[in-house]
PDB file of N, CA and C in Angstrom:
ATOM      1  N   MET A   1      32.049  16.920   3.001  1.00  0.00           N
ATOM      2  CA  MET A   1      31.053  17.499   2.174  1.00  0.00           C
ATOM      3  C   MET A   1      29.680  17.425   2.913  1.00  0.00           C
ATOM      4  N   LYS A   2      29.482  16.444   3.794  1.00  0.00           N
ATOM      5  CA  LYS A   2      28.223  16.348   4.510  1.00  0.00           C
ATOM      6  C   LYS A   2      28.048  17.502   5.439  1.00  0.00           C
ATOM      7  N   GLY A   3      26.938  18.248   5.355  1.00  0.00           N
ATOM      8  CA  GLY A   3      26.679  19.318   6.290  1.00  0.00           C
ATOM      9  C   GLY A   3      27.102  20.699   5.762  1.00  0.00           C
ATOM     10  N   ASP A   4      27.695  20.674   4.524  1.00  0.00           N
ATOM     11  CA  ASP A   4      28.152  21.907   3.981  1.00  0.00           C
ATOM     12  C   ASP A   4      27.028  22.756   3.466  1.00  0.00           C
ATOM     13  N   ALA A   5      27.221  24.079   3.586  1.00  0.00           N
ATOM     14  CA  ALA A   5      26.186  24.936   3.100  1.00  0.00           C
ATOM     15  C   ALA A   5      26.283  25.051   1.552  1.00  0.00           C
ATOM     16  N   ILE A   6      25.121  24.975   0.845  1.00  0.00           N
ATOM     17  CA  ILE A   6      25.042  25.009  -0.527  1.00  0.00           C
ATOM     18  C   ILE A   6      24.379  26.227  -1.129  1.00  0.00           C
ATOM     19  N   LEU A   7      23.385  26.715  -0.367  1.00  0.00           N
ATOM     20  CA  LEU A   7      22.658  27.831  -0.941  1.00  0.00           C
ATOM     21  C   LEU A   7      22.091  28.673   0.185  1.00  0.00           C
ATOM     22  N   PHE A   8      22.495  29.998   0.167  1.00  0.00           N
ATOM     23  CA  PHE A   8      22.121  30.974   1.211  1.00  0.00           C
ATOM     24  C   PHE A   8      22.415  30.478   2.655  1.00  0.00           C
ATOM     25  N   GLY A   9      23.531  29.668   2.756  1.00  0.00           N
ATOM     26  CA  GLY A   9      23.876  29.202   4.118  1.00  0.00           C
ATOM     27  C   GLY A   9      22.992  28.008   4.601  1.00  0.00           C
ATOM     28  N   LEU A  10      22.292  27.362   3.764  1.00  0.00           N
ATOM     29  CA  LEU A  10      21.485  26.238   4.097  1.00  0.00           C
ATOM     30  C   LEU A  10      22.061  24.960   3.602  1.00  0.00           C
ATOM     31  N   THR A  11      21.842  23.849   4.334  1.00  0.00           N
ATOM     32  CA  THR A  11      22.292  22.434   3.843  1.00  0.00           C
ATOM     33  C   THR A  11      21.204  22.022   2.887  1.00  0.00           C
ATOM     34  N   VAL A  12      21.517  20.957   2.282  1.00  0.00           N
ATOM     35  CA  VAL A  12      20.603  20.350   1.343  1.00  0.00           C
ATOM     36  C   VAL A  12      19.246  19.968   2.120  1.00  0.00           C
ATOM     37  N   ALA A  13      19.337  19.335   3.236  1.00  0.00           N
ATOM     38  CA  ALA A  13      18.173  18.987   4.024  1.00  0.00           C
ATOM     39  C   ALA A  13      17.398  20.154   4.473  1.00  0.00           C
ATOM     40  N   GLU A  14      17.956  21.168   4.930  1.00  0.00           N
ATOM     41  CA  GLU A  14      17.276  22.369   5.377  1.00  0.00           C
ATOM     42  C   GLU A  14      16.593  23.055   4.109  1.00  0.00           C
ATOM     43  N   PHE A  15      17.289  23.112   2.981  1.00  0.00           N
ATOM     44  CA  PHE A  15      16.662  23.698   1.791  1.00  0.00           C
ATOM     45  C   PHE A  15      15.489  22.900   1.294  1.00  0.00           C
ATOM     46  N   GLU A  16      15.617  21.622   1.288  1.00  0.00           N
ATOM     47  CA  GLU A  16      14.481  20.687   0.918  1.00  0.00           C
ATOM     48  C   GLU A  16      13.286  20.934   1.861  1.00  0.00           C
ATOM     49  N   GLU A  17      13.549  20.972   3.134  1.00  0.00           N
ATOM     50  CA  GLU A  17      12.468  21.022   4.094  1.00  0.00           C
ATOM     51  C   GLU A  17      11.682  22.444   3.918  1.00  0.00           C
ATOM     52  N   ILE A  18      12.375  23.536   3.722  1.00  0.00           N
ATOM     53  CA  ILE A  18      11.794  24.827   3.495  1.00  0.00           C
ATOM     54  C   ILE A  18      11.070  24.819   2.215  1.00  0.00           C
ATOM     55  N   SER A  19      11.700  24.309   1.175  1.00  0.00           N
ATOM     56  CA  SER A  19      11.136  24.294  -0.176  1.00  0.00           C
ATOM     57  C   SER A  19       9.822  23.459  -0.183  1.00  0.00           C
ATOM     58  N   LEU A  20       9.857  22.282   0.410  1.00  0.00           N
ATOM     59  CA  LEU A  20       8.662  21.495   0.512  1.00  0.00           C
ATOM     60  C   LEU A  20       7.536  22.223   1.106  1.00  0.00           C
ATOM     61  N   LYS A  21       7.659  22.892   2.233  1.00  0.00           N
ATOM     62  CA  LYS A  21       6.634  23.589   2.956  1.00  0.00           C
ATOM     63  C   LYS A  21       6.099  24.693   2.146  1.00  0.00           C
ATOM     64  N   VAL A  22       7.013  25.516   1.535  1.00  0.00           N
ATOM     65  CA  VAL A  22       6.640  26.723   0.808  1.00  0.00           C
ATOM     66  C   VAL A  22       5.868  26.256  -0.516  1.00  0.00           C
ATOM     67  N   CYS A  23       6.405  25.258  -1.180  1.00  0.00           N
ATOM     68  CA  CYS A  23       5.831  24.911  -2.503  1.00  0.00           C
ATOM     69  C   CYS A  23       4.440  24.181  -2.289  1.00  0.00           C
ATOM     70  N   PHE A  24       4.374  23.312  -1.248  1.00  0.00           N
ATOM     71  CA  PHE A  24       3.115  22.656  -0.996  1.00  0.00           C
ATOM     72  C   PHE A  24       2.051  23.623  -0.491  1.00  0.00           C
ATOM     73  N   THR A  25       2.410  24.677   0.283  1.00  0.00           N
ATOM     74  CA  THR A  25       1.510  25.727   0.666  1.00  0.00           C
ATOM     75  C   THR A  25       0.939  26.452  -0.547  1.00  0.00           C
ATOM     76  N   ALA A  26       1.880  26.811  -1.538  1.00  0.00           N
ATOM     77  CA  ALA A  26       1.476  27.419  -2.742  1.00  0.00           C
ATOM     78  C   ALA A  26       0.578  26.604  -3.519  1.00  0.00           C
ATOM     79  N   LEU A  27       0.909  25.292  -3.622  1.00  0.00           N
ATOM     80  CA  LEU A  27       0.089  24.377  -4.358  1.00  0.00           C
ATOM     81  C   LEU A  27      -1.383  24.245  -3.715  1.00  0.00           C
ATOM     82  N   ILE A  28      -1.441  24.121  -2.455  1.00  0.00           N
ATOM     83  CA  ILE A  28      -2.674  23.995  -1.733  1.00  0.00           C
ATOM     84  C   ILE A  28      -3.539  25.215  -2.031  1.00  0.00           C
ATOM     85  N   LEU A  29      -2.929  26.423  -1.878  1.00  0.00           N
ATOM     86  CA  LEU A  29      -3.646  27.713  -2.150  1.00  0.00           C
ATOM     87  C   LEU A  29      -4.161  27.749  -3.589  1.00  0.00           C
ATOM     88  N   TYR A  30      -3.291  27.245  -4.536  1.00  0.00           N
ATOM     89  CA  TYR A  30      -3.760  27.309  -5.917  1.00  0.00           C
ATOM     90  C   TYR A  30      -4.903  26.264  -6.150  1.00  0.00           C
ATOM     91  N   MET A  31      -4.902  25.122  -5.467  1.00  0.00           N
ATOM     92  CA  MET A  31      -5.967  24.210  -5.541  1.00  0.00           C
ATOM     93  C   MET A  31      -7.257  24.725  -5.010  1.00  0.00           C
ATOM     94  N   LEU A  32      -7.157  25.501  -3.875  1.00  0.00           N
ATOM     95  CA  LEU A  32      -8.310  26.143  -3.384  1.00  0.00           C
ATOM     96  C   LEU A  32      -8.929  27.140  -4.284  1.00  0.00           C
ATOM     97  N   PHE A  33      -8.069  27.836  -5.035  1.00  0.00           N
ATOM     98  CA  PHE A  33      -8.555  28.830  -6.067  1.00  0.00           C
ATOM     99  C   PHE A  33      -9.183  28.043  -7.137  1.00  0.00           C
ATOM    100  N   ILE A  34      -8.666  26.946  -7.602  1.00  0.00           N
ATOM    101  CA  ILE A  34      -9.257  26.147  -8.666  1.00  0.00           C
ATOM    102  C   ILE A  34     -10.666  25.593  -8.262  1.00  0.00           C
ATOM    103  N   ILE A  35     -10.770  25.083  -7.007  1.00  0.00           N
ATOM    104  CA  ILE A  35     -12.055  24.600  -6.537  1.00  0.00           C
ATOM    105  C   ILE A  35     -13.113  25.692  -6.485  1.00  0.00           C
ATOM    106  N   GLY A  36     -12.632  26.825  -6.008  1.00  0.00           N
ATOM    107  CA  GLY A  36     -13.590  28.043  -5.888  1.00  0.00           C
ATOM    108  C   GLY A  36     -14.015  28.497  -7.328  1.00  0.00           C
ATOM    109  N   ASN A  37     -13.093  28.434  -8.243  1.00  0.00           N
ATOM    110  CA  ASN A  37     -13.377  28.859  -9.601  1.00  0.00           C
ATOM    111  C   ASN A  37     -14.329  27.865 -10.294  1.00  0.00           C
ATOM    112  N   LEU A  38     -14.162  26.545  -9.947  1.00  0.00           N
ATOM    113  CA  LEU A  38     -14.907  25.571 -10.611  1.00  0.00           C
ATOM    114  C   LEU A  38     -16.351  25.617  -9.945  1.00  0.00           C
ATOM    115  N   ALA A  39     -16.434  25.986  -8.666  1.00  0.00           N
ATOM    116  CA  ALA A  39     -17.788  26.136  -8.105  1.00  0.00           C
ATOM    117  C   ALA A  39     -18.563  27.324  -8.665  1.00  0.00           C
ATOM    118  N   ARG A  40     -17.772  28.371  -8.820  1.00  0.00           N
ATOM    119  CA  ARG A  40     -18.463  29.562  -9.389  1.00  0.00           C
ATOM    120  C   ARG A  40     -18.892  29.380 -10.853  1.00  0.00           C
ATOM    121  N   GLU A  41     -18.104  28.765 -11.726  1.00  0.00           N
ATOM    122  CA  GLU A  41     -18.381  28.513 -13.089  1.00  0.00           C
ATOM    123  C   GLU A  41     -19.519  27.539 -13.296  1.00  0.00           C
ATOM    124  N   SER A  42     -19.590  26.548 -12.331  1.00  0.00           N
ATOM    125  CA  SER A  42     -20.649  25.582 -12.456  1.00  0.00           C
ATOM    126  C   SER A  42     -21.940  26.008 -11.772  1.00  0.00           C
ATOM    127  N   LYS A  43     -21.986  27.183 -11.234  1.00  0.00           N
ATOM    128  CA  LYS A  43     -23.141  27.765 -10.484  1.00  0.00           C
ATOM    129  C   LYS A  43     -23.692  26.803  -9.453  1.00  0.00           C
ATOM    130  N   ALA A  44     -22.729  26.354  -8.616  1.00  0.00           N
ATOM    131  CA  ALA A  44     -23.085  25.276  -7.631  1.00  0.00           C
ATOM    132  C   ALA A  44     -23.851  25.890  -6.457  1.00  0.00           C
ATOM    133  N   GLY A  45     -23.912  27.137  -6.247  1.00  0.00           N
ATOM    134  CA  GLY A  45     -24.570  27.721  -5.113  1.00  0.00           C
ATOM    135  C   GLY A  45     -23.819  27.570  -3.816  1.00  0.00           C
ATOM    136  N   LYS A  46     -24.403  28.025  -2.691  1.00  0.00           N
ATOM    137  CA  LYS A  46     -23.643  27.916  -1.507  1.00  0.00           C
ATOM    138  C   LYS A  46     -23.433  26.530  -0.984  1.00  0.00           C
ATOM    139  N   TYR A  47     -24.523  25.816  -0.999  1.00  0.00           N
ATOM    140  CA  TYR A  47     -24.526  24.359  -0.523  1.00  0.00           C
ATOM    141  C   TYR A  47     -23.593  23.567  -1.440  1.00  0.00           C
ATOM    142  N   GLY A  48     -23.685  23.616  -2.738  1.00  0.00           N
ATOM    143  CA  GLY A  48     -22.842  22.872  -3.515  1.00  0.00           C
ATOM    144  C   GLY A  48     -21.372  23.262  -3.514  1.00  0.00           C
ATOM    145  N   THR A  49     -21.125  24.531  -3.264  1.00  0.00           N
ATOM    146  CA  THR A  49     -19.687  25.051  -3.113  1.00  0.00           C
ATOM    147  C   THR A  49     -19.114  24.466  -1.799  1.00  0.00           C
ATOM    148  N   VAL A  50     -19.850  24.325  -0.767  1.00  0.00           N
ATOM    149  CA  VAL A  50     -19.361  23.800   0.467  1.00  0.00           C
ATOM    150  C   VAL A  50     -19.024  22.336   0.249  1.00  0.00           C
ATOM    151  N   TRP A  51     -19.891  21.599  -0.407  1.00  0.00           N
ATOM    152  CA  TRP A  51     -19.578  20.206  -0.695  1.00  0.00           C
ATOM    153  C   TRP A  51     -18.468  19.928  -1.681  1.00  0.00           C
ATOM    154  N   MET A  52     -18.214  20.891  -2.553  1.00  0.00           N
ATOM    155  CA  MET A  52     -17.134  20.743  -3.471  1.00  0.00           C
ATOM    156  C   MET A  52     -15.841  21.007  -2.686  1.00  0.00           C
ATOM    157  N   PHE A  53     -15.819  21.965  -1.762  1.00  0.00           N
ATOM    158  CA  PHE A  53     -14.560  22.290  -0.986  1.00  0.00           C
ATOM    159  C   PHE A  53     -14.317  21.026  -0.076  1.00  0.00           C
ATOM    160  N   MET A  54     -15.399  20.462   0.514  1.00  0.00           N
ATOM    161  CA  MET A  54     -15.169  19.343   1.441  1.00  0.00           C
ATOM    162  C   MET A  54     -14.682  18.153   0.667  1.00  0.00           C
ATOM    163  N   ALA A  55     -15.333  17.813  -0.393  1.00  0.00           N
ATOM    164  CA  ALA A  55     -14.875  16.609  -1.190  1.00  0.00           C
ATOM    165  C   ALA A  55     -13.532  16.678  -1.848  1.00  0.00           C
ATOM    166  N   LEU A  56     -13.366  17.869  -2.575  1.00  0.00           N
ATOM    167  CA  LEU A  56     -12.157  17.931  -3.277  1.00  0.00           C
ATOM    168  C   LEU A  56     -10.967  18.447  -2.369  1.00  0.00           C
ATOM    169  N   GLY A  57     -11.212  19.029  -1.327  1.00  0.00           N
ATOM    170  CA  GLY A  57     -10.180  19.492  -0.354  1.00  0.00           C
ATOM    171  C   GLY A  57      -9.789  18.478   0.604  1.00  0.00           C
ATOM    172  N   LEU A  58     -10.431  17.306   0.661  1.00  0.00           N
ATOM    173  CA  LEU A  58     -10.108  16.358   1.684  1.00  0.00           C
ATOM    174  C   LEU A  58      -8.725  15.804   1.562  1.00  0.00           C
ATOM    175  N   GLY A  59      -8.141  15.727   0.415  1.00  0.00           N
ATOM    176  CA  GLY A  59      -6.785  15.223   0.224  1.00  0.00           C
ATOM    177  C   GLY A  59      -5.772  16.040   0.878  1.00  0.00           C
ATOM    178  N   PHE A  60      -5.797  17.405   0.687  1.00  0.00           N
ATOM    179  CA  PHE A  60      -4.740  18.137   1.315  1.00  0.00           C
ATOM    180  C   PHE A  60      -5.099  18.477   2.795  1.00  0.00           C
ATOM    181  N   VAL A  61      -6.243  18.287   3.253  1.00  0.00           N
ATOM    182  CA  VAL A  61      -6.533  18.325   4.670  1.00  0.00           C
ATOM    183  C   VAL A  61      -5.822  17.182   5.344  1.00  0.00           C
ATOM    184  N   GLY A  62      -5.857  16.016   4.742  1.00  0.00           N
ATOM    185  CA  GLY A  62      -5.166  14.810   5.263  1.00  0.00           C
ATOM    186  C   GLY A  62      -3.646  15.081   5.225  1.00  0.00           C
ATOM    187  N   PHE A  63      -3.040  15.752   4.248  1.00  0.00           N
ATOM    188  CA  PHE A  63      -1.703  16.047   4.260  1.00  0.00           C
ATOM    189  C   PHE A  63      -1.304  16.943   5.368  1.00  0.00           C
ATOM    190  N   ILE A  64      -2.096  17.955   5.560  1.00  0.00           N
ATOM    191  CA  ILE A  64      -1.879  18.940   6.640  1.00  0.00           C
ATOM    192  C   ILE A  64      -2.024  18.324   8.042  1.00  0.00           C
ATOM    193  N   ALA A  65      -2.971  17.492   8.227  1.00  0.00           N
ATOM    194  CA  ALA A  65      -3.197  16.731   9.365  1.00  0.00           C
ATOM    195  C   ALA A  65      -2.001  15.787   9.687  1.00  0.00           C
ATOM    196  N   LYS A  66      -1.437  15.185   8.714  1.00  0.00           N
ATOM    197  CA  LYS A  66      -0.280  14.333   8.904  1.00  0.00           C
ATOM    198  C   LYS A  66       0.857  15.117   9.496  1.00  0.00           C
ATOM    199  N   GLY A  67       1.086  16.297   9.016  1.00  0.00           N
ATOM    200  CA  GLY A  67       2.214  17.098   9.626  1.00  0.00           C
ATOM    201  C   GLY A  67       1.905  17.447  11.047  1.00  0.00           C
ATOM    202  N   PHE A  68       0.655  17.808  11.342  1.00  0.00           N
ATOM    203  CA  PHE A  68       0.406  18.137  12.805  1.00  0.00           C
ATOM    204  C   PHE A  68       0.508  16.937  13.685  1.00  0.00           C
ATOM    205  N   ILE A  69       0.060  15.709  13.202  1.00  0.00           N
ATOM    206  CA  ILE A  69       0.130  14.534  13.981  1.00  0.00           C
ATOM    207  C   ILE A  69       1.595  14.082  14.219  1.00  0.00           C
ATOM    208  N   ALA A  70       2.442  14.222  13.233  1.00  0.00           N
ATOM    209  CA  ALA A  70       3.863  13.887  13.323  1.00  0.00           C
ATOM    210  C   ALA A  70       4.566  14.824  14.323  1.00  0.00           C
ATOM    211  N   ARG A  71       4.159  16.098  14.267  1.00  0.00           N
ATOM    212  CA  ARG A  71       4.747  17.140  15.227  1.00  0.00           C
ATOM    213  C   ARG A  71       4.322  16.772  16.641  1.00  0.00           C
ATOM    214  N   ILE A  72       3.039  16.387  16.913  1.00  0.00           N
ATOM    215  CA  ILE A  72       2.560  16.159  18.228  1.00  0.00           C
ATOM    216  C   ILE A  72       3.179  14.943  18.758  1.00  0.00           C
ATOM    217  N   LEU A  73       3.422  13.864  17.928  1.00  0.00           N
ATOM    218  CA  LEU A  73       3.995  12.628  18.420  1.00  0.00           C
ATOM    219  C   LEU A  73       5.549  12.767  18.461  1.00  0.00           C
ATOM    220  N   GLY A  74       6.119  13.763  17.887  1.00  0.00           N
ATOM    221  CA  GLY A  74       7.601  13.965  17.830  1.00  0.00           C
ATOM    222  C   GLY A  74       8.225  13.090  16.814  1.00  0.00           C
ATOM    223  N   ILE A  75       7.654  12.691  15.786  1.00  0.00           N
ATOM    224  CA  ILE A  75       8.179  11.802  14.840  1.00  0.00           C
ATOM    225  C   ILE A  75       9.138  12.487  13.813  1.00  0.00           C
ATOM    226  N   GLU A  76       8.987  13.820  13.634  1.00  0.00           N
ATOM    227  CA  GLU A  76       9.750  14.549  12.657  1.00  0.00           C
ATOM    228  C   GLU A  76      11.169  14.075  12.571  1.00  0.00           C
TER     229      GLU A  76
END
């Protein structure tokens, strides 16, 4: 059973890896939309908008950096 294809010729591990990347990318894009909408509705201005994106976007920047660092170090 181990290594058997379950969906579209993918194993469970391959499906989970692709799903994680696709879903997190979609989530990050949606969060960027929410931050931009929040900045627009609060009339933060250019300077305030930059700070909102920097402060609220720091979490997923760390998540993306973790992926790059793991790939560079060959930890994957």
